């Protein structure tokens, strides 16, 4: 069998979070993805090896998510096949200006985290603002709506308009879910 190898780098301040107390989180990820993970704590390099390409990919996505600020328990949602991870690079929106970067991060987070929390509640996706990125973890439709809302805020749309957009999308997703369930129960009877 062919053994695959991935190499990635995560911020040094996220290594301890990724490894976990007594290596617990790292071991859990290795077991669930059937991979072997080696970490260079000094440089922030992470090496993943294994024979299962899908397991390797899932492992890499979980490590990337932890590296971008997510709690490992939320990052492990990516081990489920129906969850996805999106990353928005704020350098594309802020250029080289530190002031602009802080301002647009502040727009997404909102006063006392209100904006981020509302996006998470209305989309059922998880959002993490860390460094020069915004990460989103959720089901594909939820992630897509959350990304659209975040991008609207980055473009400068008023918060109230973004919240209305989110509430409309939430109703549409609920309706689609209910209609899907009705179709399933109709077929049974």
C-alpha atoms as a PDB file:
ATOM      1  CA  UNK A   1       0.000   0.000   0.000  1.00  0.00           C
ATOM      2  CA  UNK A   2       1.098   3.535  -0.702  1.00  0.00           C
ATOM      3  CA  UNK A   3       1.850   5.774   2.233  1.00  0.00           C
ATOM      4  CA  UNK A   4       0.975   9.447   1.829  1.00  0.00           C
ATOM      5  CA  UNK A   5       2.558  12.371   3.623  1.00  0.00           C
ATOM      6  CA  UNK A   6       1.269  15.888   4.270  1.00  0.00           C
ATOM      7  CA  UNK A   7       3.271  18.701   5.758  1.00  0.00           C
ATOM      8  CA  UNK A   8       1.706  21.878   7.086  1.00  0.00           C
ATOM      9  CA  UNK A   9       2.567  24.692   9.431  1.00  0.00           C
ATOM     10  CA  UNK A  10       0.415  26.102  12.214  1.00  0.00           C
ATOM     11  CA  UNK A  11       1.109  29.094  14.469  1.00  0.00           C
ATOM     12  CA  UNK A  12       3.346  28.187  17.410  1.00  0.00           C
ATOM     13  CA  UNK A  13       0.790  29.508  19.905  1.00  0.00           C
ATOM     14  CA  UNK A  14      -1.734  26.914  18.599  1.00  0.00           C
ATOM     15  CA  UNK A  15       0.533  23.845  18.944  1.00  0.00           C
ATOM     16  CA  UNK A  16      -0.247  23.213  22.629  1.00  0.00           C
ATOM     17  CA  UNK A  17      -3.983  23.509  21.868  1.00  0.00           C
ATOM     18  CA  UNK A  18      -3.625  20.999  19.022  1.00  0.00           C
ATOM     19  CA  UNK A  19      -1.615  18.490  21.071  1.00  0.00           C
ATOM     20  CA  UNK A  20      -3.841  18.796  24.148  1.00  0.00           C
ATOM     21  CA  UNK A  21      -3.195  17.784  27.717  1.00  0.00           C
ATOM     22  CA  UNK A  22      -0.775  14.833  27.713  1.00  0.00           C
ATOM     23  CA  UNK A  23      -1.205  14.545  23.914  1.00  0.00           C
ATOM     24  CA  UNK A  24      -4.894  13.602  24.258  1.00  0.00           C
ATOM     25  CA  UNK A  25      -6.286  15.607  21.314  1.00  0.00           C
ATOM     26  CA  UNK A  26      -3.475  14.621  18.938  1.00  0.00           C
ATOM     27  CA  UNK A  27      -4.007  10.925  19.840  1.00  0.00           C
ATOM     28  CA  UNK A  28      -7.782  11.192  19.294  1.00  0.00           C
ATOM     29  CA  UNK A  29      -7.269  12.719  15.849  1.00  0.00           C
ATOM     30  CA  UNK A  30      -4.701  10.037  14.943  1.00  0.00           C
ATOM     31  CA  UNK A  31      -7.119   7.265  15.989  1.00  0.00           C
ATOM     32  CA  UNK A  32     -10.139   8.727  14.213  1.00  0.00           C
ATOM     33  CA  UNK A  33      -8.252   9.386  10.951  1.00  0.00           C
ATOM     34  CA  UNK A  34      -5.928   6.330  11.024  1.00  0.00           C
ATOM     35  CA  UNK A  35      -2.894   8.605  10.622  1.00  0.00           C
ATOM     36  CA  UNK A  36       0.390   9.257  12.387  1.00  0.00           C
ATOM     37  CA  UNK A  37       1.147  12.865  13.355  1.00  0.00           C
ATOM     38  CA  UNK A  38       4.563  14.281  14.186  1.00  0.00           C
ATOM     39  CA  UNK A  39       4.875  17.840  15.501  1.00  0.00           C
ATOM     40  CA  UNK A  40       7.923  20.115  15.525  1.00  0.00           C
ATOM     41  CA  UNK A  41       6.915  22.430  18.380  1.00  0.00           C
ATOM     42  CA  UNK A  42       9.781  24.864  17.815  1.00  0.00           C
ATOM     43  CA  UNK A  43       8.920  25.603  14.183  1.00  0.00           C
ATOM     44  CA  UNK A  44       5.191  24.871  14.109  1.00  0.00           C
ATOM     45  CA  UNK A  45       5.592  22.174  11.449  1.00  0.00           C
ATOM     46  CA  UNK A  46       3.162  19.247  11.482  1.00  0.00           C
ATOM     47  CA  UNK A  47       3.779  16.060   9.492  1.00  0.00           C
ATOM     48  CA  UNK A  48       0.899  13.666   8.806  1.00  0.00           C
ATOM     49  CA  UNK A  49       1.403  10.216   7.334  1.00  0.00           C
ATOM     50  CA  UNK A  50      -0.934   7.345   6.581  1.00  0.00           C
ATOM     51  CA  UNK A  51      -2.319   5.044   3.911  1.00  0.00           C
ATOM     52  CA  UNK A  52      -5.911   6.318   3.831  1.00  0.00           C
ATOM     53  CA  UNK A  53      -6.072   9.399   1.599  1.00  0.00           C
ATOM     54  CA  UNK A  54      -9.460  10.480   2.968  1.00  0.00           C
ATOM     55  CA  UNK A  55      -8.255  10.093   6.567  1.00  0.00           C
ATOM     56  CA  UNK A  56      -5.188  12.178   5.743  1.00  0.00           C
ATOM     57  CA  UNK A  57      -7.290  14.899   4.162  1.00  0.00           C
ATOM     58  CA  UNK A  58      -9.682  14.989   7.135  1.00  0.00           C
ATOM     59  CA  UNK A  59      -6.748  15.077   9.558  1.00  0.00           C
ATOM     60  CA  UNK A  60      -5.156  17.963   7.657  1.00  0.00           C
ATOM     61  CA  UNK A  61      -8.405  19.956   7.684  1.00  0.00           C
ATOM     62  CA  UNK A  62      -8.829  19.458  11.464  1.00  0.00           C
ATOM     63  CA  UNK A  63      -5.226  20.592  12.086  1.00  0.00           C
ATOM     64  CA  UNK A  64      -5.678  23.629   9.798  1.00  0.00           C
ATOM     65  CA  UNK A  65      -8.856  24.566  11.685  1.00  0.00           C
ATOM     66  CA  UNK A  66      -7.129  24.304  15.085  1.00  0.00           C
ATOM     67  CA  UNK A  67      -4.243  26.326  13.641  1.00  0.00           C
ATOM     68  CA  UNK A  68      -6.707  29.030  12.585  1.00  0.00           C
ATOM     69  CA  UNK A  69      -8.073  29.422  16.111  1.00  0.00           C
ATOM     70  CA  UNK A  70     -10.863  26.866  16.411  1.00  0.00           C
ATOM     71  CA  UNK A  71     -11.446  24.872  19.575  1.00  0.00           C
ATOM     72  CA  UNK A  72     -10.368  21.247  18.815  1.00  0.00           C
ATOM     73  CA  UNK A  73     -13.866  19.930  19.632  1.00  0.00           C
ATOM     74  CA  UNK A  74     -15.365  22.164  16.935  1.00  0.00           C
ATOM     75  CA  UNK A  75     -12.504  21.378  14.515  1.00  0.00           C
ATOM     76  CA  UNK A  76     -13.231  17.652  14.965  1.00  0.00           C
ATOM     77  CA  UNK A  77     -16.643  18.194  13.351  1.00  0.00           C
ATOM     78  CA  UNK A  78     -14.614  18.112  10.111  1.00  0.00           C
ATOM     79  CA  UNK A  79     -14.124  14.375  10.665  1.00  0.00           C
ATOM     80  CA  UNK A  80     -17.794  14.000   9.709  1.00  0.00           C
ATOM     81  CA  UNK A  81     -18.104  13.754   5.939  1.00  0.00           C
ATOM     82  CA  UNK A  82     -20.866  16.369   5.693  1.00  0.00           C
ATOM     83  CA  UNK A  83     -18.949  19.239   7.365  1.00  0.00           C
ATOM     84  CA  UNK A  84     -16.699  21.675   5.517  1.00  0.00           C
ATOM     85  CA  UNK A  85     -14.065  24.243   6.433  1.00  0.00           C
ATOM     86  CA  UNK A  86     -13.768  27.610   4.706  1.00  0.00           C
ATOM     87  CA  UNK A  87     -11.097  30.207   5.235  1.00  0.00           C
ATOM     88  CA  UNK A  88     -11.386  33.877   4.317  1.00  0.00           C
ATOM     89  CA  UNK A  89      -8.042  35.653   3.943  1.00  0.00           C
ATOM     90  CA  UNK A  90      -8.479  39.174   5.301  1.00  0.00           C
ATOM     91  CA  UNK A  91      -5.385  40.433   3.455  1.00  0.00           C
ATOM     92  CA  UNK A  92      -7.546  40.379   0.313  1.00  0.00           C
ATOM     93  CA  UNK A  93      -9.904  42.828   2.029  1.00  0.00           C
ATOM     94  CA  UNK A  94      -7.502  44.950   4.080  1.00  0.00           C
ATOM     95  CA  UNK A  95      -4.394  45.070   1.913  1.00  0.00           C
ATOM     96  CA  UNK A  96      -1.352  45.934   4.014  1.00  0.00           C
ATOM     97  CA  UNK A  97      -3.151  48.360   6.320  1.00  0.00           C
ATOM     98  CA  UNK A  98      -3.195  47.206   9.942  1.00  0.00           C
ATOM     99  CA  UNK A  99      -5.878  49.791  10.758  1.00  0.00           C
ATOM    100  CA  UNK A 100      -8.155  48.463   8.010  1.00  0.00           C
ATOM    101  CA  UNK A 101      -7.524  44.889   9.172  1.00  0.00           C
ATOM    102  CA  UNK A 102      -8.531  45.764  12.740  1.00  0.00           C
ATOM    103  CA  UNK A 103     -11.588  47.666  11.535  1.00  0.00           C
ATOM    104  CA  UNK A 104     -12.928  44.859   9.331  1.00  0.00           C
ATOM    105  CA  UNK A 105     -12.218  42.212  11.997  1.00  0.00           C
ATOM    106  CA  UNK A 106     -14.165  44.418  14.413  1.00  0.00           C
ATOM    107  CA  UNK A 107     -17.110  44.614  11.978  1.00  0.00           C
ATOM    108  CA  UNK A 108     -17.320  40.809  11.808  1.00  0.00           C
ATOM    109  CA  UNK A 109     -16.901  40.320  15.568  1.00  0.00           C
ATOM    110  CA  UNK A 110     -19.202  43.204  16.528  1.00  0.00           C
ATOM    111  CA  UNK A 111     -19.626  44.865  19.907  1.00  0.00           C
ATOM    112  CA  UNK A 112     -18.868  42.269  22.596  1.00  0.00           C
ATOM    113  CA  UNK A 113     -18.931  39.524  19.930  1.00  0.00           C
ATOM    114  CA  UNK A 114     -22.592  40.150  19.061  1.00  0.00           C
ATOM    115  CA  UNK A 115     -22.209  40.087  15.281  1.00  0.00           C
ATOM    116  CA  UNK A 116     -20.187  36.859  15.175  1.00  0.00           C
ATOM    117  CA  UNK A 117     -22.554  35.221  17.676  1.00  0.00           C
ATOM    118  CA  UNK A 118     -25.637  36.204  15.624  1.00  0.00           C
ATOM    119  CA  UNK A 119     -24.114  34.845  12.401  1.00  0.00           C
ATOM    120  CA  UNK A 120     -23.341  31.579  14.208  1.00  0.00           C
ATOM    121  CA  UNK A 121     -26.866  31.313  15.673  1.00  0.00           C
ATOM    122  CA  UNK A 122     -28.681  32.129  12.440  1.00  0.00           C
ATOM    123  CA  UNK A 123     -26.558  29.854  10.211  1.00  0.00           C
ATOM    124  CA  UNK A 124     -25.681  27.078  12.689  1.00  0.00           C
ATOM    125  CA  UNK A 125     -22.061  27.403  11.508  1.00  0.00           C
ATOM    126  CA  UNK A 126     -19.008  28.084  13.698  1.00  0.00           C
ATOM    127  CA  UNK A 127     -16.887  31.182  13.053  1.00  0.00           C
ATOM    128  CA  UNK A 128     -13.412  32.008  14.310  1.00  0.00           C
ATOM    129  CA  UNK A 129     -11.624  35.311  13.727  1.00  0.00           C
ATOM    130  CA  UNK A 130      -7.894  34.702  14.217  1.00  0.00           C
ATOM    131  CA  UNK A 131      -4.896  36.629  12.937  1.00  0.00           C
ATOM    132  CA  UNK A 132      -5.497  37.623   9.336  1.00  0.00           C
ATOM    133  CA  UNK A 133      -8.170  35.021   8.653  1.00  0.00           C
ATOM    134  CA  UNK A 134     -11.782  34.172   9.379  1.00  0.00           C
ATOM    135  CA  UNK A 135     -12.563  30.465   9.515  1.00  0.00           C
ATOM    136  CA  UNK A 136     -16.001  28.912   9.079  1.00  0.00           C
ATOM    137  CA  UNK A 137     -16.968  25.326   9.952  1.00  0.00           C
ATOM    138  CA  UNK A 138     -20.418  23.944   9.238  1.00  0.00           C
ATOM    139  CA  UNK A 139     -22.648  22.024   6.917  1.00  0.00           C
ATOM    140  CA  UNK A 140     -22.161  23.172   3.292  1.00  0.00           C
ATOM    141  CA  UNK A 141     -25.321  25.311   3.089  1.00  0.00           C
ATOM    142  CA  UNK A 142     -24.737  26.860   6.534  1.00  0.00           C
ATOM    143  CA  UNK A 143     -21.087  27.605   5.727  1.00  0.00           C
ATOM    144  CA  UNK A 144     -22.020  29.185   2.436  1.00  0.00           C
ATOM    145  CA  UNK A 145     -24.600  31.499   4.054  1.00  0.00           C
ATOM    146  CA  UNK A 146     -22.179  32.382   6.885  1.00  0.00           C
ATOM    147  CA  UNK A 147     -19.448  33.179   4.340  1.00  0.00           C
ATOM    148  CA  UNK A 148     -21.835  35.389   2.368  1.00  0.00           C
ATOM    149  CA  UNK A 149     -22.818  37.260   5.553  1.00  0.00           C
ATOM    150  CA  UNK A 150     -19.172  37.746   6.586  1.00  0.00           C
ATOM    151  CA  UNK A 151     -18.264  38.995   3.103  1.00  0.00           C
ATOM    152  CA  UNK A 152     -21.190  41.465   3.175  1.00  0.00           C
ATOM    153  CA  UNK A 153     -19.819  42.866   6.462  1.00  0.00           C
ATOM    154  CA  UNK A 154     -16.303  43.022   4.991  1.00  0.00           C
ATOM    155  CA  UNK A 155     -17.677  44.986   2.022  1.00  0.00           C
ATOM    156  CA  UNK A 156     -19.212  47.482   4.442  1.00  0.00           C
ATOM    157  CA  UNK A 157     -22.879  46.488   4.368  1.00  0.00           C
ATOM    158  CA  UNK A 158     -24.844  47.739   7.384  1.00  0.00           C
ATOM    159  CA  UNK A 159     -25.157  45.145  10.157  1.00  0.00           C
ATOM    160  CA  UNK A 160     -28.957  45.453  10.173  1.00  0.00           C
ATOM    161  CA  UNK A 161     -29.112  44.534   6.466  1.00  0.00           C
ATOM    162  CA  UNK A 162     -26.841  41.530   7.012  1.00  0.00           C
ATOM    163  CA  UNK A 163     -29.009  40.342   9.925  1.00  0.00           C
ATOM    164  CA  UNK A 164     -32.157  40.630   7.753  1.00  0.00           C
ATOM    165  CA  UNK A 165     -30.379  38.610   5.032  1.00  0.00           C
ATOM    166  CA  UNK A 166     -29.459  35.935   7.621  1.00  0.00           C
ATOM    167  CA  UNK A 167     -32.982  35.729   9.018  1.00  0.00           C
ATOM    168  CA  UNK A 168     -34.398  35.333   5.491  1.00  0.00           C
ATOM    169  CA  UNK A 169     -31.862  32.587   4.686  1.00  0.00           C
ATOM    170  CA  UNK A 170     -32.612  30.825   7.971  1.00  0.00           C
ATOM    171  CA  UNK A 171     -36.343  30.744   7.130  1.00  0.00           C
ATOM    172  CA  UNK A 172     -35.534  29.380   3.651  1.00  0.00           C
ATOM    173  CA  UNK A 173     -33.280  26.645   5.106  1.00  0.00           C
ATOM    174  CA  UNK A 174     -35.933  25.704   7.699  1.00  0.00           C
ATOM    175  CA  UNK A 175     -38.618  25.567   5.009  1.00  0.00           C
ATOM    176  CA  UNK A 176     -36.401  23.393   2.792  1.00  0.00           C
ATOM    177  CA  UNK A 177     -35.689  21.055   5.732  1.00  0.00           C
ATOM    178  CA  UNK A 178     -39.394  20.768   6.580  1.00  0.00           C
ATOM    179  CA  UNK A 179     -40.373  20.229   2.948  1.00  0.00           C
ATOM    180  CA  UNK A 180     -37.704  17.529   2.641  1.00  0.00           C
ATOM    181  CA  UNK A 181     -39.074  15.803   5.742  1.00  0.00           C
ATOM    182  CA  UNK A 182     -42.653  16.097   4.447  1.00  0.00           C
ATOM    183  CA  UNK A 183     -41.621  14.502   1.163  1.00  0.00           C
ATOM    184  CA  UNK A 184     -40.022  11.608   3.043  1.00  0.00           C
ATOM    185  CA  UNK A 185     -43.104  11.006   5.226  1.00  0.00           C
ATOM    186  CA  UNK A 186     -45.446  11.276   2.212  1.00  0.00           C
ATOM    187  CA  UNK A 187     -43.589   8.453   0.458  1.00  0.00           C
ATOM    188  CA  UNK A 188     -43.958   6.165   3.471  1.00  0.00           C
ATOM    189  CA  UNK A 189     -47.728   6.475   3.798  1.00  0.00           C
END
